[in-house]
Amino acid sequence: MIRVFIAQHPAEAHFFKGVLDTAGIESEIRHESLFGASGGVPVNEARPELWVLDDARAAEAAALLRQQGPTGLEASRLWRCASCGELVEAQFTACWKCGADAPV
């Protein structure tokens, strides 16, 4: 499973899950219940996350989410590690799995 989106709130996570469902891409929302525990303040650890179940479809899912317009989809911008093939979120400068540097 690969995380393709970090939502600002549960409704946003469910909207984008619906986008993926329509495309036939299986996904799940994680950390949704933590949002309420944070008092509704979108603290990074308490934001709902959208994960794609089939790693091979993660890049496709991210592209579909980006097509929805300017929605703060920073987590859906992925790069593939040249060393191990892992999909990594754009904000990381090194692969979380093997430590290789991100492409320039």
C-alpha atoms as a PDB file:
ATOM      1  CA  MET A   1       0.000   0.000   0.000  1.00  0.00           C
ATOM      2  CA  ILE A   2       1.133   3.526  -0.797  1.00  0.00           C
ATOM      3  CA  ARG A   3      -0.138   6.794   0.644  1.00  0.00           C
ATOM      4  CA  VAL A   4      -1.183   9.108  -2.182  1.00  0.00           C
ATOM      5  CA  PHE A   5      -2.931  11.922  -0.340  1.00  0.00           C
ATOM      6  CA  ILE A   6      -3.091  13.653   3.030  1.00  0.00           C
ATOM      7  CA  ALA A   7      -6.417  15.426   3.489  1.00  0.00           C
ATOM      8  CA  GLN A   8      -7.160  18.582   5.430  1.00  0.00           C
ATOM      9  CA  HIS A   9     -10.322  16.973   6.856  1.00  0.00           C
ATOM     10  CA  PRO A  10     -12.346  13.716   6.546  1.00  0.00           C
ATOM     11  CA  ALA A  11     -14.787  15.089   3.947  1.00  0.00           C
ATOM     12  CA  GLU A  12     -11.898  15.875   1.609  1.00  0.00           C
ATOM     13  CA  ALA A  13     -10.471  12.372   2.095  1.00  0.00           C
ATOM     14  CA  HIS A  14     -13.831  10.800   1.250  1.00  0.00           C
ATOM     15  CA  PHE A  15     -14.254  12.985  -1.829  1.00  0.00           C
ATOM     16  CA  PHE A  16     -10.905  11.842  -3.235  1.00  0.00           C
ATOM     17  CA  LYS A  17     -11.573   8.235  -2.270  1.00  0.00           C
ATOM     18  CA  GLY A  18     -14.715   8.537  -4.397  1.00  0.00           C
ATOM     19  CA  VAL A  19     -12.604   9.770  -7.317  1.00  0.00           C
ATOM     20  CA  LEU A  20     -10.416   6.676  -7.011  1.00  0.00           C
ATOM     21  CA  ASP A  21     -13.400   4.352  -6.516  1.00  0.00           C
ATOM     22  CA  THR A  22     -14.941   5.674  -9.751  1.00  0.00           C
ATOM     23  CA  ALA A  23     -11.689   4.847 -11.559  1.00  0.00           C
ATOM     24  CA  GLY A  24     -11.695   1.328 -10.101  1.00  0.00           C
ATOM     25  CA  ILE A  25      -8.666   1.978  -7.881  1.00  0.00           C
ATOM     26  CA  GLU A  26      -9.067   0.362  -4.474  1.00  0.00           C
ATOM     27  CA  SER A  27      -8.094   2.609  -1.589  1.00  0.00           C
ATOM     28  CA  GLU A  28      -8.650   3.131   2.102  1.00  0.00           C
ATOM     29  CA  ILE A  29      -8.708   6.095   4.444  1.00  0.00           C
ATOM     30  CA  ARG A  30      -6.477   5.943   7.496  1.00  0.00           C
ATOM     31  CA  HIS A  31      -6.282   8.143  10.606  1.00  0.00           C
ATOM     32  CA  GLU A  32      -9.784   9.514  10.061  1.00  0.00           C
ATOM     33  CA  SER A  33     -10.721   9.012  13.706  1.00  0.00           C
ATOM     34  CA  LEU A  34      -7.646  10.956  14.869  1.00  0.00           C
ATOM     35  CA  PHE A  35      -9.004  14.130  13.257  1.00  0.00           C
ATOM     36  CA  GLY A  36     -11.691  14.492  15.921  1.00  0.00           C
ATOM     37  CA  ALA A  37      -9.169  13.830  18.670  1.00  0.00           C
ATOM     38  CA  SER A  38      -7.151  16.820  17.488  1.00  0.00           C
ATOM     39  CA  GLY A  39     -10.127  19.112  18.056  1.00  0.00           C
ATOM     40  CA  GLY A  40     -10.589  19.499  14.317  1.00  0.00           C
ATOM     41  CA  VAL A  41      -7.245  21.227  13.961  1.00  0.00           C
ATOM     42  CA  PRO A  42      -5.401  19.583  11.043  1.00  0.00           C
ATOM     43  CA  VAL A  43      -2.254  18.616  12.911  1.00  0.00           C
ATOM     44  CA  ASN A  44      -0.048  16.508  10.609  1.00  0.00           C
ATOM     45  CA  GLU A  45      -0.386  13.363  12.710  1.00  0.00           C
ATOM     46  CA  ALA A  46      -4.163  13.757  12.898  1.00  0.00           C
ATOM     47  CA  ARG A  47      -4.963  14.324   9.229  1.00  0.00           C
ATOM     48  CA  PRO A  48      -6.813  11.633   7.254  1.00  0.00           C
ATOM     49  CA  GLU A  49      -4.660   9.826   4.703  1.00  0.00           C
ATOM     50  CA  LEU A  50      -5.696   8.089   1.479  1.00  0.00           C
ATOM     51  CA  TRP A  51      -3.779   4.896   0.703  1.00  0.00           C
ATOM     52  CA  VAL A  52      -3.926   2.925  -2.565  1.00  0.00           C
ATOM     53  CA  LEU A  53      -4.032  -0.844  -1.996  1.00  0.00           C
ATOM     54  CA  ASP A  54      -2.302  -1.813  -5.267  1.00  0.00           C
ATOM     55  CA  ASP A  55       1.186  -0.236  -5.386  1.00  0.00           C
ATOM     56  CA  ALA A  56       1.244  -0.587  -9.162  1.00  0.00           C
ATOM     57  CA  ARG A  57      -1.676   1.864  -9.429  1.00  0.00           C
ATOM     58  CA  ALA A  58      -0.322   4.519  -7.025  1.00  0.00           C
ATOM     59  CA  ALA A  59       1.110   6.783  -9.728  1.00  0.00           C
ATOM     60  CA  GLU A  60      -2.151   6.538 -11.697  1.00  0.00           C
ATOM     61  CA  ALA A  61      -4.105   7.406  -8.552  1.00  0.00           C
ATOM     62  CA  ALA A  62      -1.876  10.400  -7.835  1.00  0.00           C
ATOM     63  CA  ALA A  63      -2.350  11.653 -11.396  1.00  0.00           C
ATOM     64  CA  LEU A  64      -6.137  11.354 -11.069  1.00  0.00           C
ATOM     65  CA  LEU A  65      -6.081  13.329  -7.837  1.00  0.00           C
ATOM     66  CA  ARG A  66      -3.955  16.088  -9.376  1.00  0.00           C
ATOM     67  CA  GLN A  67      -6.485  16.405 -12.209  1.00  0.00           C
ATOM     68  CA  GLN A  68      -9.079  17.513  -9.670  1.00  0.00           C
ATOM     69  CA  GLY A  69      -7.519  20.974  -9.581  1.00  0.00           C
ATOM     70  CA  PRO A  70      -5.640  23.092  -7.043  1.00  0.00           C
ATOM     71  CA  THR A  71      -6.489  21.312  -3.822  1.00  0.00           C
ATOM     72  CA  GLY A  72      -3.237  21.108  -1.909  1.00  0.00           C
ATOM     73  CA  LEU A  73      -2.357  17.694  -3.285  1.00  0.00           C
ATOM     74  CA  GLU A  74       1.288  17.886  -2.268  1.00  0.00           C
ATOM     75  CA  ALA A  75       1.196  14.292  -1.030  1.00  0.00           C
ATOM     76  CA  SER A  76       0.000  13.036  -4.403  1.00  0.00           C
ATOM     77  CA  ARG A  77       3.140  14.226  -6.204  1.00  0.00           C
ATOM     78  CA  LEU A  78       5.313  11.155  -6.204  1.00  0.00           C
ATOM     79  CA  TRP A  79       8.729  10.200  -7.533  1.00  0.00           C
ATOM     80  CA  ARG A  80      10.046   6.692  -8.087  1.00  0.00           C
ATOM     81  CA  CYS A  81      13.336   5.771  -6.452  1.00  0.00           C
ATOM     82  CA  ALA A  82      15.914   4.749  -9.061  1.00  0.00           C
ATOM     83  CA  SER A  83      17.577   2.375  -6.574  1.00  0.00           C
ATOM     84  CA  CYS A  84      14.701   0.342  -5.163  1.00  0.00           C
ATOM     85  CA  GLY A  85      11.650   1.378  -7.219  1.00  0.00           C
ATOM     86  CA  GLU A  86       9.691   2.707  -4.220  1.00  0.00           C
ATOM     87  CA  LEU A  87       7.201   5.537  -4.798  1.00  0.00           C
ATOM     88  CA  VAL A  88       8.089   8.479  -2.541  1.00  0.00           C
ATOM     89  CA  GLU A  89       6.230  11.724  -1.819  1.00  0.00           C
ATOM     90  CA  ALA A  90       7.623  14.892  -3.380  1.00  0.00           C
ATOM     91  CA  GLN A  91       8.540  16.588  -0.113  1.00  0.00           C
ATOM     92  CA  PHE A  92      11.183  13.938   0.609  1.00  0.00           C
ATOM     93  CA  THR A  93      14.697  14.458  -0.736  1.00  0.00           C
ATOM     94  CA  ALA A  94      15.651  10.838  -0.146  1.00  0.00           C
ATOM     95  CA  CYS A  95      13.869   7.507  -0.441  1.00  0.00           C
ATOM     96  CA  TRP A  96      12.345   6.470   2.882  1.00  0.00           C
ATOM     97  CA  LYS A  97      12.983   2.810   2.076  1.00  0.00           C
ATOM     98  CA  CYS A  98      16.620   2.726   0.929  1.00  0.00           C
ATOM     99  CA  GLY A  99      17.929   6.269   1.516  1.00  0.00           C
ATOM    100  CA  ALA A 100      18.816   7.011  -2.124  1.00  0.00           C
ATOM    101  CA  ASP A 101      18.655  10.676  -3.150  1.00  0.00           C
ATOM    102  CA  ALA A 102      15.643  12.021  -5.053  1.00  0.00           C
ATOM    103  CA  PRO A 103      16.119  12.827  -8.743  1.00  0.00           C
ATOM    104  CA  VAL A 104      16.889  16.459  -9.520  1.00  0.00           C
END
